[in-house]
Amino acid sequence: MTWQKQRLPNDHPSVKSGSIGVLLVNLGTPDGPDPVSVKRYLKQFLSDPRVIEIPKLAWQPILRGIILNTRPQRSAQAYAKIWTDRGSPLADITARQAEAIAEDLGENVVVDYAMRYGSPSIEQRLGELTEKGCDRILIAPMYPQYCAATTATVFDEVARVLGQMRWQPALRFVPPYHDDPAYLDALSDDLTRQVGALTFRPEVMLISFHGMPQRTLEQGDPYHCHCHKTARLLRERLMMRPEFEGLRFETTFQSRFGPAQWLEPATDTTLIAEGEKGTQRLVVAAPGFAADCVETLEELALEGRDEFLEAGGREYAVLDCLNVSASGVKMIDSLIRRELSGWI
């Protein structure tokens, strides 16, 4: 029997397929360090019910009537202190992480990045990846520790976008990697390198994570436990290295917002307490952030320095996040290759 190739009608749409996509996702950033851009970003961010777990009828009047009329001006000033000629540090670093991973994975995998809030959006990037023929896409939330207010919101948004698609790609998600040896090894190597380059020998290292309301722990969110496990495993690795001999480690939580009880101890009050009790040389690491952002570059590096020095401290440093360091890129690459197993 002779088989003939099926002829498509002249008006049949051309659809690309057969490619693999990888999408790195981080939290988000305003488009600029000005109050209008910050207000637009905060409105989207603080309207997410995963982020603010207050009934909408009670929360929206507070958000629109008070917060969006006061906070954007203060936040814009913080962003202005860290903005560069490449724009937002978080977006710039995440873009360069994607570029580095794309270079490692080669031309058979399309790698891009998105912001959960702000630009470029998950919706935009998923559309672009499918237009490039990606019918298998790996979503990589850049949050080592799982939290409903971060990791779960990525799942929510991806599901929302896919709900509008006729031809949906197959999906995989990079799981939380708070205790992954590749992540801990990368942190250990990079922090050792940075501490070794300091002009002083620190007495104390704060391992600072982004805070969450206390009720998230009480409701079963694993974030608090993930943070403490990361801190414990990281501390065990660092204590074996001569650069950290005699160093005291403390785990803290930063970025409190609103009147609710948040996870403790708080980073800012700990910095003040350390200075007041005589600690002279202190260093801060922020392993929960995959890329430096306003919380590390302004809150920790600038506000934190003032708090510690005014309380009596003398030497202070905030260590870089993994960013696009050799250790950091190698770690992300290994996680992604593992999750792409069977696809590449």
C-alpha atoms as a PDB file:
ATOM      1  CA  MET A   1       0.000   0.000   0.000  1.00  0.00           C
ATOM      2  CA  THR A   2       1.357   3.441  -0.869  1.00  0.00           C
ATOM      3  CA  TRP A   3       1.043   6.097   1.771  1.00  0.00           C
ATOM      4  CA  GLN A   4       0.789   9.689   0.655  1.00  0.00           C
ATOM      5  CA  LYS A   5       1.719  12.664   2.779  1.00  0.00           C
ATOM      6  CA  GLN A   6      -1.389  14.473   3.932  1.00  0.00           C
ATOM      7  CA  ARG A   7      -1.781  17.836   2.271  1.00  0.00           C
ATOM      8  CA  LEU A   8      -2.874  20.651   4.560  1.00  0.00           C
ATOM      9  CA  PRO A   9      -5.347  23.270   3.361  1.00  0.00           C
ATOM     10  CA  ASN A  10      -3.836  26.569   2.277  1.00  0.00           C
ATOM     11  CA  ASP A  11      -5.354  28.409   5.219  1.00  0.00           C
ATOM     12  CA  HIS A  12      -4.079  25.963   7.865  1.00  0.00           C
ATOM     13  CA  PRO A  13      -2.283  27.957  10.625  1.00  0.00           C
ATOM     14  CA  SER A  14       1.431  27.359  11.021  1.00  0.00           C
ATOM     15  CA  VAL A  15       2.198  26.184  14.564  1.00  0.00           C
ATOM     16  CA  LYS A  16       5.688  25.575  15.934  1.00  0.00           C
ATOM     17  CA  SER A  17       6.271  22.716  18.362  1.00  0.00           C
ATOM     18  CA  GLY A  18       8.904  20.293  19.604  1.00  0.00           C
ATOM     19  CA  SER A  19      11.039  22.690  21.639  1.00  0.00           C
ATOM     20  CA  ILE A  20      11.732  22.785  25.378  1.00  0.00           C
ATOM     21  CA  GLY A  21      11.463  25.956  27.475  1.00  0.00           C
ATOM     22  CA  VAL A  22      12.805  26.944  30.881  1.00  0.00           C
ATOM     23  CA  LEU A  23      11.349  29.930  32.735  1.00  0.00           C
ATOM     24  CA  LEU A  24      13.123  31.365  35.790  1.00  0.00           C
ATOM     25  CA  VAL A  25      10.631  33.238  37.972  1.00  0.00           C
ATOM     26  CA  ASN A  26      11.403  35.720  40.734  1.00  0.00           C
ATOM     27  CA  LEU A  27       9.141  37.882  42.868  1.00  0.00           C
ATOM     28  CA  GLY A  28       9.032  41.160  40.977  1.00  0.00           C
ATOM     29  CA  THR A  29      10.023  44.775  40.823  1.00  0.00           C
ATOM     30  CA  PRO A  30       8.542  48.103  39.757  1.00  0.00           C
ATOM     31  CA  ASP A  31       9.380  49.375  36.281  1.00  0.00           C
ATOM     32  CA  GLY A  32      11.128  52.394  37.738  1.00  0.00           C
ATOM     33  CA  PRO A  33      12.151  53.980  41.076  1.00  0.00           C
ATOM     34  CA  ASP A  34       9.299  56.481  41.019  1.00  0.00           C
ATOM     35  CA  PRO A  35       6.080  56.606  43.066  1.00  0.00           C
ATOM     36  CA  VAL A  36       3.778  55.918  40.091  1.00  0.00           C
ATOM     37  CA  SER A  37       5.657  52.768  39.082  1.00  0.00           C
ATOM     38  CA  VAL A  38       5.978  51.609  42.684  1.00  0.00           C
ATOM     39  CA  LYS A  39       2.253  52.188  43.314  1.00  0.00           C
ATOM     40  CA  ARG A  40       1.341  50.088  40.258  1.00  0.00           C
ATOM     41  CA  TYR A  41       3.648  47.297  41.434  1.00  0.00           C
ATOM     42  CA  LEU A  42       2.450  47.365  45.044  1.00  0.00           C
ATOM     43  CA  LYS A  43      -1.198  47.330  43.963  1.00  0.00           C
ATOM     44  CA  GLN A  44      -0.642  44.076  42.072  1.00  0.00           C
ATOM     45  CA  PHE A  45       1.592  42.535  44.735  1.00  0.00           C
ATOM     46  CA  LEU A  46      -0.518  43.436  47.759  1.00  0.00           C
ATOM     47  CA  SER A  47      -3.776  42.439  46.057  1.00  0.00           C
ATOM     48  CA  ASP A  48      -2.701  38.808  45.849  1.00  0.00           C
ATOM     49  CA  PRO A  49      -4.699  36.858  48.461  1.00  0.00           C
ATOM     50  CA  ARG A  50      -1.699  34.551  48.940  1.00  0.00           C
ATOM     51  CA  VAL A  51       0.385  37.554  50.026  1.00  0.00           C
ATOM     52  CA  ILE A  52      -2.219  39.298  52.171  1.00  0.00           C
ATOM     53  CA  GLU A  53      -4.456  36.697  53.785  1.00  0.00           C
ATOM     54  CA  ILE A  54      -7.155  39.117  54.851  1.00  0.00           C
ATOM     55  CA  PRO A  55     -10.672  39.034  53.356  1.00  0.00           C
ATOM     56  CA  LYS A  56     -10.793  41.283  50.312  1.00  0.00           C
ATOM     57  CA  LEU A  57     -13.707  43.358  51.627  1.00  0.00           C
ATOM     58  CA  ALA A  58     -11.664  44.256  54.697  1.00  0.00           C
ATOM     59  CA  TRP A  59      -8.266  44.621  53.016  1.00  0.00           C
ATOM     60  CA  GLN A  60      -8.974  46.535  49.809  1.00  0.00           C
ATOM     61  CA  PRO A  61     -10.213  49.735  51.526  1.00  0.00           C
ATOM     62  CA  ILE A  62      -7.033  49.739  53.634  1.00  0.00           C
ATOM     63  CA  LEU A  63      -4.841  49.072  50.612  1.00  0.00           C
ATOM     64  CA  ARG A  64      -6.442  51.653  48.344  1.00  0.00           C
ATOM     65  CA  GLY A  65      -7.285  54.235  50.974  1.00  0.00           C
ATOM     66  CA  ILE A  66      -4.111  54.242  53.055  1.00  0.00           C
ATOM     67  CA  ILE A  67      -1.213  52.081  51.886  1.00  0.00           C
ATOM     68  CA  LEU A  68      -1.204  53.010  48.197  1.00  0.00           C
ATOM     69  CA  ASN A  69      -1.360  56.685  49.157  1.00  0.00           C
ATOM     70  CA  THR A  70       1.568  56.581  51.594  1.00  0.00           C
ATOM     71  CA  ARG A  71       3.911  53.660  50.982  1.00  0.00           C
ATOM     72  CA  PRO A  72       4.836  54.252  47.273  1.00  0.00           C
ATOM     73  CA  GLN A  73       6.697  57.471  48.069  1.00  0.00           C
ATOM     74  CA  ARG A  74       8.827  55.821  50.775  1.00  0.00           C
ATOM     75  CA  SER A  75       9.421  52.673  48.734  1.00  0.00           C
ATOM     76  CA  ALA A  76      10.389  54.723  45.669  1.00  0.00           C
ATOM     77  CA  GLN A  77      13.108  56.414  47.718  1.00  0.00           C
ATOM     78  CA  ALA A  78      14.467  53.003  48.702  1.00  0.00           C
ATOM     79  CA  TYR A  79      14.456  51.776  45.084  1.00  0.00           C
ATOM     80  CA  ALA A  80      16.148  54.986  43.913  1.00  0.00           C
ATOM     81  CA  LYS A  81      19.122  54.216  46.177  1.00  0.00           C
ATOM     82  CA  ILE A  82      19.802  50.870  44.452  1.00  0.00           C
ATOM     83  CA  TRP A  83      18.664  51.526  40.857  1.00  0.00           C
ATOM     84  CA  THR A  84      21.406  51.180  38.253  1.00  0.00           C
ATOM     85  CA  ASP A  85      21.863  52.118  34.616  1.00  0.00           C
ATOM     86  CA  ARG A  86      20.648  48.579  33.858  1.00  0.00           C
ATOM     87  CA  GLY A  87      17.449  49.193  35.804  1.00  0.00           C
ATOM     88  CA  SER A  88      16.204  47.079  38.667  1.00  0.00           C
ATOM     89  CA  PRO A  89      18.992  44.931  40.174  1.00  0.00           C
ATOM     90  CA  LEU A  90      16.579  42.028  40.705  1.00  0.00           C
ATOM     91  CA  ALA A  91      15.380  42.007  37.096  1.00  0.00           C
ATOM     92  CA  ASP A  92      18.888  42.542  35.752  1.00  0.00           C
ATOM     93  CA  ILE A  93      20.413  39.721  37.803  1.00  0.00           C
ATOM     94  CA  THR A  94      17.576  37.305  36.997  1.00  0.00           C
ATOM     95  CA  ALA A  95      17.948  38.113  33.296  1.00  0.00           C
ATOM     96  CA  ARG A  96      21.685  37.423  33.483  1.00  0.00           C
ATOM     97  CA  GLN A  97      21.035  34.157  35.327  1.00  0.00           C
ATOM     98  CA  ALA A  98      18.755  33.103  32.458  1.00  0.00           C
ATOM     99  CA  GLU A  99      21.394  34.093  29.908  1.00  0.00           C
ATOM    100  CA  ALA A 100      24.054  32.067  31.713  1.00  0.00           C
ATOM    101  CA  ILE A 101      21.816  28.995  31.950  1.00  0.00           C
ATOM    102  CA  ALA A 102      20.858  29.312  28.274  1.00  0.00           C
ATOM    103  CA  GLU A 103      24.523  29.330  27.360  1.00  0.00           C
ATOM    104  CA  ASP A 104      25.102  26.152  29.379  1.00  0.00           C
ATOM    105  CA  LEU A 105      22.052  24.284  28.066  1.00  0.00           C
ATOM    106  CA  GLY A 106      22.640  25.122  24.425  1.00  0.00           C
ATOM    107  CA  GLU A 107      20.370  25.989  21.521  1.00  0.00           C
ATOM    108  CA  ASN A 108      17.962  23.071  22.012  1.00  0.00           C
ATOM    109  CA  VAL A 109      16.471  24.684  25.134  1.00  0.00           C
ATOM    110  CA  VAL A 110      14.875  28.146  25.199  1.00  0.00           C
ATOM    111  CA  VAL A 111      15.583  29.872  28.540  1.00  0.00           C
ATOM    112  CA  ASP A 112      13.888  33.052  29.713  1.00  0.00           C
ATOM    113  CA  TYR A 113      12.856  34.801  32.921  1.00  0.00           C
ATOM    114  CA  ALA A 114       9.715  36.406  34.347  1.00  0.00           C
ATOM    115  CA  MET A 115       8.573  38.367  37.371  1.00  0.00           C
ATOM    116  CA  ARG A 116       5.557  37.202  39.357  1.00  0.00           C
ATOM    117  CA  TYR A 117       4.558  40.837  39.817  1.00  0.00           C
ATOM    118  CA  GLY A 118       5.537  43.530  37.355  1.00  0.00           C
ATOM    119  CA  SER A 119       7.347  43.033  34.075  1.00  0.00           C
ATOM    120  CA  PRO A 120       8.084  40.829  32.241  1.00  0.00           C
ATOM    121  CA  SER A 121       5.025  38.893  33.369  1.00  0.00           C
ATOM    122  CA  ILE A 122       4.568  35.135  33.501  1.00  0.00           C
ATOM    123  CA  GLU A 123       1.708  35.486  31.020  1.00  0.00           C
ATOM    124  CA  GLN A 124       3.906  37.344  28.545  1.00  0.00           C
ATOM    125  CA  ARG A 125       6.802  34.903  28.809  1.00  0.00           C
ATOM    126  CA  LEU A 126       4.671  31.754  28.581  1.00  0.00           C
ATOM    127  CA  GLY A 127       3.069  33.178  25.443  1.00  0.00           C
ATOM    128  CA  GLU A 128       6.477  33.904  23.929  1.00  0.00           C
ATOM    129  CA  LEU A 129       7.801  30.432  24.773  1.00  0.00           C
ATOM    130  CA  THR A 130       4.819  28.686  23.178  1.00  0.00           C
ATOM    131  CA  GLU A 131       5.132  30.906  20.107  1.00  0.00           C
ATOM    132  CA  LYS A 132       8.713  29.664  19.816  1.00  0.00           C
ATOM    133  CA  GLY A 133       7.447  26.082  19.739  1.00  0.00           C
ATOM    134  CA  CYS A 134       7.985  25.117  23.380  1.00  0.00           C
ATOM    135  CA  ASP A 135       5.425  22.425  24.125  1.00  0.00           C
ATOM    136  CA  ARG A 136       7.357  21.309  27.224  1.00  0.00           C
ATOM    137  CA  ILE A 137       8.180  24.010  29.765  1.00  0.00           C
ATOM    138  CA  LEU A 138      10.031  23.829  33.078  1.00  0.00           C
ATOM    139  CA  ILE A 139       9.004  26.541  35.561  1.00  0.00           C
ATOM    140  CA  ALA A 140      11.800  27.389  38.001  1.00  0.00           C
ATOM    141  CA  PRO A 141      10.607  29.511  40.962  1.00  0.00           C
ATOM    142  CA  MET A 142      13.746  31.097  42.381  1.00  0.00           C
ATOM    143  CA  TYR A 143      12.684  30.541  45.992  1.00  0.00           C
ATOM    144  CA  PRO A 144      14.831  27.990  47.860  1.00  0.00           C
ATOM    145  CA  GLN A 145      12.356  27.794  50.754  1.00  0.00           C
ATOM    146  CA  TYR A 146       8.721  27.013  49.944  1.00  0.00           C
ATOM    147  CA  CYS A 147       6.146  29.562  51.015  1.00  0.00           C
ATOM    148  CA  ALA A 148       2.530  29.943  49.927  1.00  0.00           C
ATOM    149  CA  ALA A 149       3.117  33.687  49.493  1.00  0.00           C
ATOM    150  CA  THR A 150       5.931  33.099  46.989  1.00  0.00           C
ATOM    151  CA  THR A 151       6.165  29.619  45.474  1.00  0.00           C
ATOM    152  CA  ALA A 152       2.422  28.945  45.452  1.00  0.00           C
ATOM    153  CA  THR A 153       1.655  32.247  43.736  1.00  0.00           C
ATOM    154  CA  VAL A 154       3.788  31.126  40.791  1.00  0.00           C
ATOM    155  CA  PHE A 155       1.694  27.942  40.521  1.00  0.00           C
ATOM    156  CA  ASP A 156      -1.477  30.051  40.737  1.00  0.00           C
ATOM    157  CA  GLU A 157      -0.454  32.414  37.963  1.00  0.00           C
ATOM    158  CA  VAL A 158       0.797  29.672  35.644  1.00  0.00           C
ATOM    159  CA  ALA A 159      -2.515  27.825  36.127  1.00  0.00           C
ATOM    160  CA  ARG A 160      -4.461  31.001  35.388  1.00  0.00           C
ATOM    161  CA  VAL A 161      -2.541  31.604  32.171  1.00  0.00           C
ATOM    162  CA  LEU A 162      -2.873  27.998  31.028  1.00  0.00           C
ATOM    163  CA  GLY A 163      -6.603  28.196  31.657  1.00  0.00           C
ATOM    164  CA  GLN A 164      -6.795  30.602  28.703  1.00  0.00           C
ATOM    165  CA  MET A 165      -4.775  28.404  26.316  1.00  0.00           C
ATOM    166  CA  ARG A 166      -6.273  26.026  23.777  1.00  0.00           C
ATOM    167  CA  TRP A 167      -2.998  24.125  23.245  1.00  0.00           C
ATOM    168  CA  GLN A 168      -1.320  23.846  26.622  1.00  0.00           C
ATOM    169  CA  PRO A 169       2.331  22.864  27.027  1.00  0.00           C
ATOM    170  CA  ALA A 170       3.399  20.018  29.302  1.00  0.00           C
ATOM    171  CA  LEU A 171       4.719  21.489  32.546  1.00  0.00           C
ATOM    172  CA  ARG A 172       7.221  20.707  35.247  1.00  0.00           C
ATOM    173  CA  PHE A 173       8.200  22.770  38.285  1.00  0.00           C
ATOM    174  CA  VAL A 174      11.552  22.956  40.062  1.00  0.00           C
ATOM    175  CA  PRO A 175      10.755  21.984  43.678  1.00  0.00           C
ATOM    176  CA  PRO A 176      11.971  23.949  46.718  1.00  0.00           C
ATOM    177  CA  TYR A 177      15.689  23.372  47.201  1.00  0.00           C
ATOM    178  CA  HIS A 178      16.251  24.589  50.760  1.00  0.00           C
ATOM    179  CA  ASP A 179      18.180  21.433  51.744  1.00  0.00           C
ATOM    180  CA  ASP A 180      19.589  20.458  48.357  1.00  0.00           C
ATOM    181  CA  PRO A 181      23.335  19.690  48.596  1.00  0.00           C
ATOM    182  CA  ALA A 182      24.001  21.632  45.380  1.00  0.00           C
ATOM    183  CA  TYR A 183      22.427  24.761  46.900  1.00  0.00           C
ATOM    184  CA  LEU A 184      24.192  24.381  50.247  1.00  0.00           C
ATOM    185  CA  ASP A 185      27.546  23.709  48.594  1.00  0.00           C
ATOM    186  CA  ALA A 186      27.139  26.774  46.380  1.00  0.00           C
ATOM    187  CA  LEU A 187      26.302  28.945  49.395  1.00  0.00           C
ATOM    188  CA  SER A 188      29.190  27.549  51.423  1.00  0.00           C
ATOM    189  CA  ASP A 189      31.724  28.140  48.666  1.00  0.00           C
ATOM    190  CA  ASP A 190      30.517  31.615  47.779  1.00  0.00           C
ATOM    191  CA  LEU A 191      30.153  32.855  51.365  1.00  0.00           C
ATOM    192  CA  THR A 192      33.609  31.489  52.206  1.00  0.00           C
ATOM    193  CA  ARG A 193      35.056  33.399  49.258  1.00  0.00           C
ATOM    194  CA  GLN A 194      33.362  36.631  50.329  1.00  0.00           C
ATOM    195  CA  VAL A 195      34.227  36.376  54.025  1.00  0.00           C
ATOM    196  CA  GLY A 196      37.832  35.649  53.092  1.00  0.00           C
ATOM    197  CA  ALA A 197      37.915  38.906  51.118  1.00  0.00           C
ATOM    198  CA  LEU A 198      36.657  41.100  53.975  1.00  0.00           C
ATOM    199  CA  THR A 199      38.993  43.614  55.588  1.00  0.00           C
ATOM    200  CA  PHE A 200      37.875  42.457  59.055  1.00  0.00           C
ATOM    201  CA  ARG A 201      37.196  39.163  60.803  1.00  0.00           C
ATOM    202  CA  PRO A 202      33.533  39.028  61.859  1.00  0.00           C
ATOM    203  CA  GLU A 203      32.436  37.904  65.305  1.00  0.00           C
ATOM    204  CA  VAL A 204      28.824  37.212  64.316  1.00  0.00           C
ATOM    205  CA  MET A 205      27.029  36.179  61.124  1.00  0.00           C
ATOM    206  CA  LEU A 206      23.321  36.855  60.820  1.00  0.00           C
ATOM    207  CA  ILE A 207      21.587  34.451  58.434  1.00  0.00           C
ATOM    208  CA  SER A 208      18.646  36.637  57.479  1.00  0.00           C
ATOM    209  CA  PHE A 209      15.527  35.417  55.666  1.00  0.00           C
ATOM    210  CA  HIS A 210      12.523  37.379  54.472  1.00  0.00           C
ATOM    211  CA  GLY A 211       9.922  37.412  57.218  1.00  0.00           C
ATOM    212  CA  MET A 212       6.345  36.156  57.129  1.00  0.00           C
ATOM    213  CA  PRO A 213       3.446  36.641  59.550  1.00  0.00           C
ATOM    214  CA  GLN A 214       3.516  34.243  62.496  1.00  0.00           C
ATOM    215  CA  ARG A 215       0.087  32.896  61.517  1.00  0.00           C
ATOM    216  CA  THR A 216       1.514  31.350  58.350  1.00  0.00           C
ATOM    217  CA  LEU A 217       3.507  28.973  60.542  1.00  0.00           C
ATOM    218  CA  GLU A 218       0.466  28.259  62.688  1.00  0.00           C
ATOM    219  CA  GLN A 219      -1.576  27.478  59.556  1.00  0.00           C
ATOM    220  CA  GLY A 220       0.919  24.884  58.372  1.00  0.00           C
ATOM    221  CA  ASP A 221       3.168  26.756  55.946  1.00  0.00           C
ATOM    222  CA  PRO A 222       6.600  25.027  55.905  1.00  0.00           C
ATOM    223  CA  TYR A 223       8.536  28.247  55.249  1.00  0.00           C
ATOM    224  CA  HIS A 224       9.739  28.788  58.826  1.00  0.00           C
ATOM    225  CA  CYS A 225      10.996  25.199  59.053  1.00  0.00           C
ATOM    226  CA  HIS A 226      12.654  25.373  55.625  1.00  0.00           C
ATOM    227  CA  CYS A 227      14.530  28.534  56.641  1.00  0.00           C
ATOM    228  CA  HIS A 228      15.789  27.027  59.870  1.00  0.00           C
ATOM    229  CA  LYS A 229      16.851  23.842  58.117  1.00  0.00           C
ATOM    230  CA  THR A 230      18.797  25.844  55.523  1.00  0.00           C
ATOM    231  CA  ALA A 231      20.454  27.865  58.302  1.00  0.00           C
ATOM    232  CA  ARG A 232      21.363  24.754  60.287  1.00  0.00           C
ATOM    233  CA  LEU A 233      22.821  22.850  57.326  1.00  0.00           C
ATOM    234  CA  LEU A 234      24.667  25.919  56.099  1.00  0.00           C
ATOM    235  CA  ARG A 235      26.084  26.598  59.550  1.00  0.00           C
ATOM    236  CA  GLU A 236      27.317  23.011  59.821  1.00  0.00           C
ATOM    237  CA  ARG A 237      29.192  23.376  56.540  1.00  0.00           C
ATOM    238  CA  LEU A 238      30.682  26.775  57.328  1.00  0.00           C
ATOM    239  CA  MET A 239      31.881  25.835  60.815  1.00  0.00           C
ATOM    240  CA  MET A 240      34.198  23.275  59.238  1.00  0.00           C
ATOM    241  CA  ARG A 241      36.090  26.030  57.389  1.00  0.00           C
ATOM    242  CA  PRO A 242      38.867  28.106  58.953  1.00  0.00           C
ATOM    243  CA  GLU A 243      37.350  31.408  57.784  1.00  0.00           C
ATOM    244  CA  PHE A 244      34.456  30.827  60.201  1.00  0.00           C
ATOM    245  CA  GLU A 245      36.356  29.550  63.212  1.00  0.00           C
ATOM    246  CA  GLY A 246      34.933  31.033  66.413  1.00  0.00           C
ATOM    247  CA  LEU A 247      32.102  32.781  64.536  1.00  0.00           C
ATOM    248  CA  ARG A 248      28.679  32.895  66.194  1.00  0.00           C
ATOM    249  CA  PHE A 249      25.663  32.345  63.926  1.00  0.00           C
ATOM    250  CA  GLU A 250      22.165  33.785  64.425  1.00  0.00           C
ATOM    251  CA  THR A 251      19.072  33.165  62.270  1.00  0.00           C
ATOM    252  CA  THR A 252      16.729  36.139  61.847  1.00  0.00           C
ATOM    253  CA  PHE A 253      13.793  37.371  59.755  1.00  0.00           C
ATOM    254  CA  GLN A 254      13.533  40.757  58.050  1.00  0.00           C
ATOM    255  CA  SER A 255      11.060  43.011  56.210  1.00  0.00           C
ATOM    256  CA  ARG A 256       8.211  43.185  58.713  1.00  0.00           C
ATOM    257  CA  PHE A 257       5.070  44.848  57.363  1.00  0.00           C
ATOM    258  CA  GLY A 258       1.938  45.927  59.225  1.00  0.00           C
ATOM    259  CA  PRO A 259       0.876  45.429  62.846  1.00  0.00           C
ATOM    260  CA  ALA A 260       0.584  41.601  62.834  1.00  0.00           C
ATOM    261  CA  GLN A 261       3.006  39.373  64.739  1.00  0.00           C
ATOM    262  CA  TRP A 262       5.811  38.230  62.407  1.00  0.00           C
ATOM    263  CA  LEU A 263       8.369  35.465  62.621  1.00  0.00           C
ATOM    264  CA  GLU A 264      11.117  36.265  65.115  1.00  0.00           C
ATOM    265  CA  PRO A 265      13.777  37.182  65.959  1.00  0.00           C
ATOM    266  CA  ALA A 266      13.635  40.226  63.705  1.00  0.00           C
ATOM    267  CA  THR A 267      16.789  41.187  61.812  1.00  0.00           C
ATOM    268  CA  ASP A 268      16.598  44.904  62.611  1.00  0.00           C
ATOM    269  CA  THR A 269      16.106  44.474  66.360  1.00  0.00           C
ATOM    270  CA  THR A 270      18.841  41.819  66.423  1.00  0.00           C
ATOM    271  CA  LEU A 271      21.302  44.205  64.734  1.00  0.00           C
ATOM    272  CA  ILE A 272      20.573  46.844  67.362  1.00  0.00           C
ATOM    273  CA  ALA A 273      20.800  44.339  70.207  1.00  0.00           C
ATOM    274  CA  GLU A 274      24.149  43.029  68.950  1.00  0.00           C
ATOM    275  CA  GLY A 275      25.617  46.514  68.779  1.00  0.00           C
ATOM    276  CA  GLU A 276      24.330  47.401  72.235  1.00  0.00           C
ATOM    277  CA  LYS A 277      25.793  44.304  73.874  1.00  0.00           C
ATOM    278  CA  GLY A 278      29.259  44.934  72.455  1.00  0.00           C
ATOM    279  CA  THR A 279      29.498  43.063  69.165  1.00  0.00           C
ATOM    280  CA  GLN A 280      31.945  45.069  67.057  1.00  0.00           C
ATOM    281  CA  ARG A 281      32.224  43.158  63.786  1.00  0.00           C
ATOM    282  CA  LEU A 282      29.172  41.633  62.113  1.00  0.00           C
ATOM    283  CA  VAL A 283      28.351  40.192  58.711  1.00  0.00           C
ATOM    284  CA  VAL A 284      24.959  39.342  57.182  1.00  0.00           C
ATOM    285  CA  ALA A 285      24.112  36.617  54.665  1.00  0.00           C
ATOM    286  CA  ALA A 286      20.697  36.342  52.985  1.00  0.00           C
ATOM    287  CA  PRO A 287      20.500  32.808  51.540  1.00  0.00           C
ATOM    288  CA  GLY A 288      16.742  32.957  50.933  1.00  0.00           C
ATOM    289  CA  PHE A 289      17.231  35.447  48.076  1.00  0.00           C
ATOM    290  CA  ALA A 290      18.430  34.046  44.746  1.00  0.00           C
ATOM    291  CA  ALA A 291      19.335  37.560  43.587  1.00  0.00           C
ATOM    292  CA  ASP A 292      20.113  40.831  45.293  1.00  0.00           C
ATOM    293  CA  CYS A 293      17.148  43.179  45.508  1.00  0.00           C
ATOM    294  CA  VAL A 294      15.806  46.108  47.515  1.00  0.00           C
ATOM    295  CA  GLU A 295      15.570  43.925  50.644  1.00  0.00           C
ATOM    296  CA  THR A 296      19.280  43.110  50.556  1.00  0.00           C
ATOM    297  CA  LEU A 297      20.793  46.162  48.868  1.00  0.00           C
ATOM    298  CA  GLU A 298      18.806  48.811  50.740  1.00  0.00           C
ATOM    299  CA  GLU A 299      17.174  47.279  53.810  1.00  0.00           C
ATOM    300  CA  LEU A 300      20.141  45.148  54.905  1.00  0.00           C
ATOM    301  CA  ALA A 301      23.123  46.949  53.397  1.00  0.00           C
ATOM    302  CA  LEU A 302      22.080  50.550  54.097  1.00  0.00           C
ATOM    303  CA  GLU A 303      19.434  50.593  56.847  1.00  0.00           C
ATOM    304  CA  GLY A 304      21.023  47.638  58.606  1.00  0.00           C
ATOM    305  CA  ARG A 305      24.437  49.279  58.618  1.00  0.00           C
ATOM    306  CA  ASP A 306      23.029  52.434  60.214  1.00  0.00           C
ATOM    307  CA  GLU A 307      21.186  50.427  62.868  1.00  0.00           C
ATOM    308  CA  PHE A 308      24.242  48.381  63.828  1.00  0.00           C
ATOM    309  CA  LEU A 309      26.752  51.238  63.827  1.00  0.00           C
ATOM    310  CA  GLU A 310      24.457  53.595  65.745  1.00  0.00           C
ATOM    311  CA  ALA A 311      24.004  50.863  68.370  1.00  0.00           C
ATOM    312  CA  GLY A 312      27.769  50.672  68.919  1.00  0.00           C
ATOM    313  CA  GLY A 313      29.072  48.304  66.240  1.00  0.00           C
ATOM    314  CA  ARG A 314      32.183  49.160  64.238  1.00  0.00           C
ATOM    315  CA  GLU A 315      32.532  46.859  61.203  1.00  0.00           C
ATOM    316  CA  TYR A 316      29.587  45.691  59.114  1.00  0.00           C
ATOM    317  CA  ALA A 317      29.109  43.939  55.777  1.00  0.00           C
ATOM    318  CA  VAL A 318      26.273  42.348  53.838  1.00  0.00           C
ATOM    319  CA  LEU A 319      27.415  39.505  51.595  1.00  0.00           C
ATOM    320  CA  ASP A 320      26.163  39.232  48.035  1.00  0.00           C
ATOM    321  CA  CYS A 321      23.486  36.712  47.132  1.00  0.00           C
ATOM    322  CA  LEU A 322      24.524  33.923  44.767  1.00  0.00           C
ATOM    323  CA  ASN A 323      23.443  36.087  41.803  1.00  0.00           C
ATOM    324  CA  VAL A 324      25.510  35.130  38.730  1.00  0.00           C
ATOM    325  CA  SER A 325      28.537  33.905  40.638  1.00  0.00           C
ATOM    326  CA  ALA A 326      30.183  30.777  39.292  1.00  0.00           C
ATOM    327  CA  SER A 327      28.841  28.802  42.262  1.00  0.00           C
ATOM    328  CA  GLY A 328      25.325  30.171  41.826  1.00  0.00           C
ATOM    329  CA  VAL A 329      25.080  29.527  38.088  1.00  0.00           C
ATOM    330  CA  LYS A 330      26.450  26.017  38.517  1.00  0.00           C
ATOM    331  CA  MET A 331      23.842  25.320  41.184  1.00  0.00           C
ATOM    332  CA  ILE A 332      20.888  26.571  39.117  1.00  0.00           C
ATOM    333  CA  ASP A 333      22.172  24.674  36.097  1.00  0.00           C
ATOM    334  CA  SER A 334      22.367  21.418  38.076  1.00  0.00           C
ATOM    335  CA  LEU A 335      18.831  21.834  39.450  1.00  0.00           C
ATOM    336  CA  ILE A 336      17.416  22.538  36.003  1.00  0.00           C
ATOM    337  CA  ARG A 337      19.255  19.678  34.318  1.00  0.00           C
ATOM    338  CA  ARG A 338      17.939  17.289  36.938  1.00  0.00           C
ATOM    339  CA  GLU A 339      14.341  18.413  36.419  1.00  0.00           C
ATOM    340  CA  LEU A 340      14.732  18.259  32.622  1.00  0.00           C
ATOM    341  CA  SER A 341      15.731  14.604  32.811  1.00  0.00           C
ATOM    342  CA  GLY A 342      13.891  12.672  30.112  1.00  0.00           C
ATOM    343  CA  TRP A 343      13.231  15.843  28.124  1.00  0.00           C
ATOM    344  CA  ILE A 344      16.878  16.437  27.211  1.00  0.00           C
END
